[in-house]
């Protein structure tokens, strides 16, 4: 059984470390106490991620002139990649 430290677990779950610890203390998230620290089992992380729904987002990009059209395309691509890496679902792109 693999156990994650709170920092890595909060990163995987997309929540802050204080929020993770609060949820552990309230019993929402199962964890083991090792000394003064918590360890979260991989099975608990998987359980929490299975129920996670994608947040829907609209992305907005702009440039100051038509001459910067390539910059605009790069901005949009960057924002799409960022949203994808964070687990967001892009529903609309405004330029």
N, C-alpha and C. Protein backbone atom coordinates (compact mmCIF):
# COMPACT_ATOMS: atom_id res chain seq x y z
N UNK A 1 0.85 -1.18 0.00
CA UNK A 1 0.00 0.00 0.00
C UNK A 1 0.90 1.24 0.00
N UNK A 2 0.68 2.11 -0.96
CA UNK A 2 1.46 3.34 -1.07
C UNK A 2 0.79 4.44 -0.25
N UNK A 3 1.59 5.18 0.49
CA UNK A 3 1.09 6.29 1.30
C UNK A 3 1.70 7.59 0.80
N UNK A 4 0.87 8.63 0.74
CA UNK A 4 1.33 9.94 0.27
C UNK A 4 1.40 10.92 1.44
N UNK A 5 2.41 11.77 1.40
CA UNK A 5 2.50 12.87 2.37
C UNK A 5 1.41 13.89 2.03
N UNK A 6 1.10 14.75 2.98
CA UNK A 6 0.02 15.71 2.77
C UNK A 6 0.29 16.67 1.62
N UNK A 7 1.54 17.06 1.42
CA UNK A 7 1.86 17.99 0.32
C UNK A 7 1.56 17.39 -1.04
N UNK A 8 2.00 16.17 -1.26
CA UNK A 8 1.77 15.50 -2.54
C UNK A 8 0.29 15.17 -2.72
N UNK A 9 -0.35 14.71 -1.64
CA UNK A 9 -1.77 14.37 -1.72
C UNK A 9 -2.61 15.60 -2.05
N UNK A 10 -2.30 16.73 -1.43
CA UNK A 10 -3.08 17.95 -1.71
C UNK A 10 -2.88 18.39 -3.16
N UNK A 11 -1.67 18.20 -3.67
CA UNK A 11 -1.39 18.54 -5.07
C UNK A 11 -2.19 17.63 -6.00
N UNK A 12 -2.21 16.34 -5.73
CA UNK A 12 -2.96 15.40 -6.57
C UNK A 12 -4.46 15.68 -6.55
N UNK A 13 -4.95 16.10 -5.38
CA UNK A 13 -6.39 16.34 -5.23
C UNK A 13 -6.80 17.74 -5.66
N UNK A 14 -5.84 18.62 -5.87
CA UNK A 14 -6.16 19.98 -6.30
C UNK A 14 -6.73 20.85 -5.19
N UNK A 15 -6.32 20.57 -3.94
CA UNK A 15 -6.77 21.37 -2.81
C UNK A 15 -5.53 21.82 -2.03
N UNK A 16 -5.72 22.82 -1.18
CA UNK A 16 -4.58 23.30 -0.40
C UNK A 16 -4.27 22.32 0.73
N UNK A 17 -3.06 22.41 1.24
CA UNK A 17 -2.64 21.53 2.33
C UNK A 17 -3.49 21.76 3.59
N UNK A 18 -3.77 23.02 3.98
CA UNK A 18 -4.64 23.22 5.16
C UNK A 18 -6.04 22.64 4.96
N UNK A 19 -6.57 22.73 3.75
CA UNK A 19 -7.89 22.14 3.47
C UNK A 19 -7.83 20.63 3.62
N UNK A 20 -6.78 20.02 3.11
CA UNK A 20 -6.61 18.57 3.23
C UNK A 20 -6.57 18.16 4.70
N UNK A 21 -5.78 18.85 5.49
CA UNK A 21 -5.66 18.51 6.91
C UNK A 21 -6.99 18.71 7.63
N UNK A 22 -7.72 19.76 7.29
CA UNK A 22 -9.04 19.99 7.89
C UNK A 22 -9.99 18.84 7.55
N UNK A 23 -9.95 18.37 6.29
CA UNK A 23 -10.82 17.26 5.89
C UNK A 23 -10.40 15.95 6.56
N UNK A 24 -9.11 15.78 6.81
CA UNK A 24 -8.64 14.59 7.53
C UNK A 24 -9.17 14.62 8.96
N UNK A 25 -9.03 15.77 9.62
CA UNK A 25 -9.47 15.90 11.01
C UNK A 25 -10.98 15.75 11.15
N UNK A 26 -11.73 16.17 10.13
CA UNK A 26 -13.20 16.05 10.20
C UNK A 26 -13.68 14.65 9.82
N UNK A 27 -12.77 13.82 9.28
CA UNK A 27 -13.14 12.46 8.92
C UNK A 27 -13.57 12.28 7.48
N UNK A 28 -13.55 13.36 6.70
CA UNK A 28 -13.94 13.26 5.28
C UNK A 28 -12.92 12.47 4.48
N UNK A 29 -11.66 12.57 4.88
CA UNK A 29 -10.57 11.87 4.19
C UNK A 29 -9.88 10.96 5.21
N UNK A 30 -9.72 9.70 4.82
CA UNK A 30 -9.05 8.73 5.70
C UNK A 30 -7.54 8.89 5.57
N UNK A 31 -6.87 8.88 6.72
CA UNK A 31 -5.41 9.02 6.73
C UNK A 31 -4.84 8.33 7.96
N UNK A 32 -3.57 8.04 7.88
CA UNK A 32 -2.85 7.44 9.01
C UNK A 32 -1.97 8.51 9.64
N UNK A 33 -1.86 8.45 10.95
CA UNK A 33 -0.99 9.40 11.65
C UNK A 33 0.37 8.73 11.85
N UNK A 34 1.41 9.38 11.38
CA UNK A 34 2.78 8.88 11.55
C UNK A 34 3.54 9.97 12.29
N UNK A 35 3.73 9.78 13.59
CA UNK A 35 4.33 10.83 14.40
C UNK A 35 3.39 12.02 14.44
N UNK A 36 3.89 13.16 13.99
CA UNK A 36 3.06 14.37 13.97
C UNK A 36 2.46 14.63 12.59
N UNK A 37 2.75 13.76 11.64
CA UNK A 37 2.29 13.97 10.26
C UNK A 37 1.22 12.95 9.87
N UNK A 38 0.53 13.26 8.78
CA UNK A 38 -0.47 12.36 8.22
C UNK A 38 0.05 11.73 6.94
N UNK A 39 -0.40 10.54 6.67
CA UNK A 39 -0.13 9.86 5.40
C UNK A 39 -1.47 9.40 4.84
N UNK A 40 -1.68 9.66 3.57
CA UNK A 40 -2.94 9.34 2.91
C UNK A 40 -2.71 8.16 1.98
N UNK A 41 -3.51 7.08 2.14
CA UNK A 41 -3.33 5.91 1.27
C UNK A 41 -3.73 6.22 -0.17
N UNK A 42 -3.05 5.55 -1.09
CA UNK A 42 -3.33 5.73 -2.52
C UNK A 42 -4.78 5.39 -2.83
N UNK A 43 -5.33 4.40 -2.17
CA UNK A 43 -6.72 4.01 -2.40
C UNK A 43 -7.68 5.15 -2.06
N UNK A 44 -7.36 5.92 -1.03
CA UNK A 44 -8.20 7.06 -0.64
C UNK A 44 -8.11 8.17 -1.69
N UNK A 45 -6.93 8.40 -2.22
CA UNK A 45 -6.75 9.41 -3.28
C UNK A 45 -7.56 9.01 -4.50
N UNK A 46 -7.47 7.73 -4.88
CA UNK A 46 -8.23 7.25 -6.05
C UNK A 46 -9.73 7.40 -5.82
N UNK A 47 -10.19 7.07 -4.61
CA UNK A 47 -11.62 7.19 -4.29
C UNK A 47 -12.09 8.63 -4.45
N UNK A 48 -11.30 9.56 -3.96
CA UNK A 48 -11.67 10.97 -4.04
C UNK A 48 -11.63 11.49 -5.47
N UNK A 49 -10.67 11.03 -6.25
CA UNK A 49 -10.56 11.50 -7.64
C UNK A 49 -11.65 10.91 -8.53
N UNK A 50 -12.14 9.72 -8.22
CA UNK A 50 -13.21 9.11 -9.02
C UNK A 50 -14.47 9.94 -8.96
N UNK A 51 -14.77 10.50 -7.81
CA UNK A 51 -15.99 11.28 -7.64
C UNK A 51 -15.85 12.72 -8.06
N UNK A 52 -14.64 13.11 -8.45
CA UNK A 52 -14.40 14.51 -8.80
C UNK A 52 -14.94 14.81 -10.19
N UNK A 53 -15.73 15.86 -10.28
CA UNK A 53 -16.25 16.29 -11.58
C UNK A 53 -15.33 17.37 -12.15
N UNK A 54 -15.29 17.46 -13.43
CA UNK A 54 -14.47 18.49 -14.07
C UNK A 54 -15.12 19.85 -13.90
N UNK A 55 -14.33 20.82 -13.53
CA UNK A 55 -14.83 22.19 -13.47
C UNK A 55 -14.86 22.74 -14.89
N UNK A 56 -15.98 23.36 -15.23
CA UNK A 56 -16.12 23.93 -16.57
C UNK A 56 -15.66 25.38 -16.51
N UNK A 57 -14.86 25.78 -17.52
CA UNK A 57 -14.32 27.13 -17.54
C UNK A 57 -14.45 27.74 -18.93
N UNK A 58 -14.44 29.07 -18.94
CA UNK A 58 -14.35 29.85 -20.18
C UNK A 58 -13.00 30.53 -20.13
N UNK A 59 -12.25 30.45 -21.22
CA UNK A 59 -10.96 31.13 -21.25
C UNK A 59 -11.05 32.37 -22.13
N UNK A 60 -10.28 33.38 -21.74
CA UNK A 60 -10.30 34.67 -22.44
C UNK A 60 -8.87 35.11 -22.72
N UNK A 61 -8.61 35.45 -23.95
CA UNK A 61 -7.28 35.93 -24.33
C UNK A 61 -7.45 37.12 -25.26
N UNK A 62 -6.50 38.05 -25.18
CA UNK A 62 -6.57 39.19 -26.08
C UNK A 62 -5.18 39.77 -26.31
N UNK A 63 -5.06 40.47 -27.40
CA UNK A 63 -3.85 41.22 -27.73
C UNK A 63 -4.28 42.62 -28.13
N UNK A 64 -3.32 43.52 -28.23
CA UNK A 64 -3.68 44.91 -28.49
C UNK A 64 -3.85 45.27 -29.96
N UNK A 65 -3.36 44.42 -30.87
CA UNK A 65 -3.53 44.75 -32.29
C UNK A 65 -3.64 43.48 -33.13
N UNK A 66 -4.15 43.65 -34.34
CA UNK A 66 -4.29 42.51 -35.25
C UNK A 66 -2.93 41.93 -35.66
N UNK A 67 -1.90 42.76 -35.59
CA UNK A 67 -0.55 42.30 -35.94
C UNK A 67 -0.05 41.21 -35.00
N UNK A 68 -0.68 41.09 -33.86
CA UNK A 68 -0.24 40.12 -32.85
C UNK A 68 -1.09 38.85 -32.86
N UNK A 69 -1.66 38.53 -34.00
CA UNK A 69 -2.53 37.36 -34.10
C UNK A 69 -1.82 36.08 -33.66
N UNK A 70 -0.54 35.93 -34.02
CA UNK A 70 0.21 34.74 -33.61
C UNK A 70 0.35 34.68 -32.09
N UNK A 71 0.54 35.84 -31.47
CA UNK A 71 0.63 35.89 -30.01
C UNK A 71 -0.69 35.44 -29.38
N UNK A 72 -1.78 35.86 -29.99
CA UNK A 72 -3.10 35.47 -29.50
C UNK A 72 -3.28 33.95 -29.57
N UNK A 73 -2.87 33.38 -30.68
CA UNK A 73 -2.99 31.93 -30.83
C UNK A 73 -2.14 31.19 -29.80
N UNK A 74 -0.96 31.72 -29.51
CA UNK A 74 -0.09 31.12 -28.48
C UNK A 74 -0.73 31.24 -27.10
N UNK A 75 -1.33 32.39 -26.84
CA UNK A 75 -2.01 32.58 -25.55
C UNK A 75 -3.12 31.57 -25.37
N UNK A 76 -3.95 31.41 -26.40
CA UNK A 76 -5.07 30.47 -26.33
C UNK A 76 -4.55 29.06 -26.11
N UNK A 77 -3.52 28.67 -26.83
CA UNK A 77 -2.95 27.33 -26.69
C UNK A 77 -2.40 27.12 -25.29
N UNK A 78 -1.71 28.12 -24.76
CA UNK A 78 -1.17 28.04 -23.41
C UNK A 78 -2.30 27.86 -22.39
N UNK A 79 -3.35 28.67 -22.52
CA UNK A 79 -4.47 28.59 -21.59
C UNK A 79 -5.17 27.24 -21.67
N UNK A 80 -5.33 26.71 -22.88
CA UNK A 80 -5.96 25.39 -23.03
C UNK A 80 -5.11 24.31 -22.36
N UNK A 81 -3.79 24.37 -22.55
CA UNK A 81 -2.90 23.40 -21.92
C UNK A 81 -2.94 23.51 -20.40
N UNK A 82 -2.96 24.74 -19.90
CA UNK A 82 -3.02 24.96 -18.46
C UNK A 82 -4.31 24.38 -17.89
N UNK A 83 -5.42 24.69 -18.52
CA UNK A 83 -6.71 24.18 -18.04
C UNK A 83 -6.74 22.66 -18.05
N UNK A 84 -6.22 22.08 -19.09
CA UNK A 84 -6.17 20.63 -19.20
C UNK A 84 -5.33 20.03 -18.07
N UNK A 85 -4.19 20.64 -17.77
CA UNK A 85 -3.30 20.11 -16.73
C UNK A 85 -3.92 20.22 -15.34
N UNK A 86 -4.83 21.18 -15.15
CA UNK A 86 -5.48 21.36 -13.86
C UNK A 86 -6.81 20.61 -13.77
N UNK A 87 -7.20 19.95 -14.85
CA UNK A 87 -8.44 19.18 -14.83
C UNK A 87 -9.69 19.98 -15.16
N UNK A 88 -9.52 21.15 -15.75
CA UNK A 88 -10.67 21.98 -16.13
C UNK A 88 -11.14 21.60 -17.53
N UNK A 89 -12.43 21.70 -17.74
CA UNK A 89 -13.00 21.45 -19.06
C UNK A 89 -13.32 22.80 -19.71
N UNK A 90 -12.67 23.11 -20.81
CA UNK A 90 -12.89 24.39 -21.50
C UNK A 90 -14.18 24.27 -22.31
N UNK A 91 -15.16 25.11 -21.98
CA UNK A 91 -16.44 25.06 -22.69
C UNK A 91 -16.56 26.17 -23.72
N UNK A 92 -15.74 27.23 -23.59
CA UNK A 92 -15.82 28.33 -24.55
C UNK A 92 -14.51 29.10 -24.52
N UNK A 93 -14.13 29.62 -25.69
CA UNK A 93 -12.92 30.43 -25.80
C UNK A 93 -13.33 31.80 -26.33
N UNK A 94 -13.02 32.84 -25.58
CA UNK A 94 -13.32 34.20 -25.99
C UNK A 94 -12.03 34.90 -26.37
N UNK A 95 -12.03 35.54 -27.56
CA UNK A 95 -10.86 36.30 -27.99
C UNK A 95 -11.28 37.66 -28.47
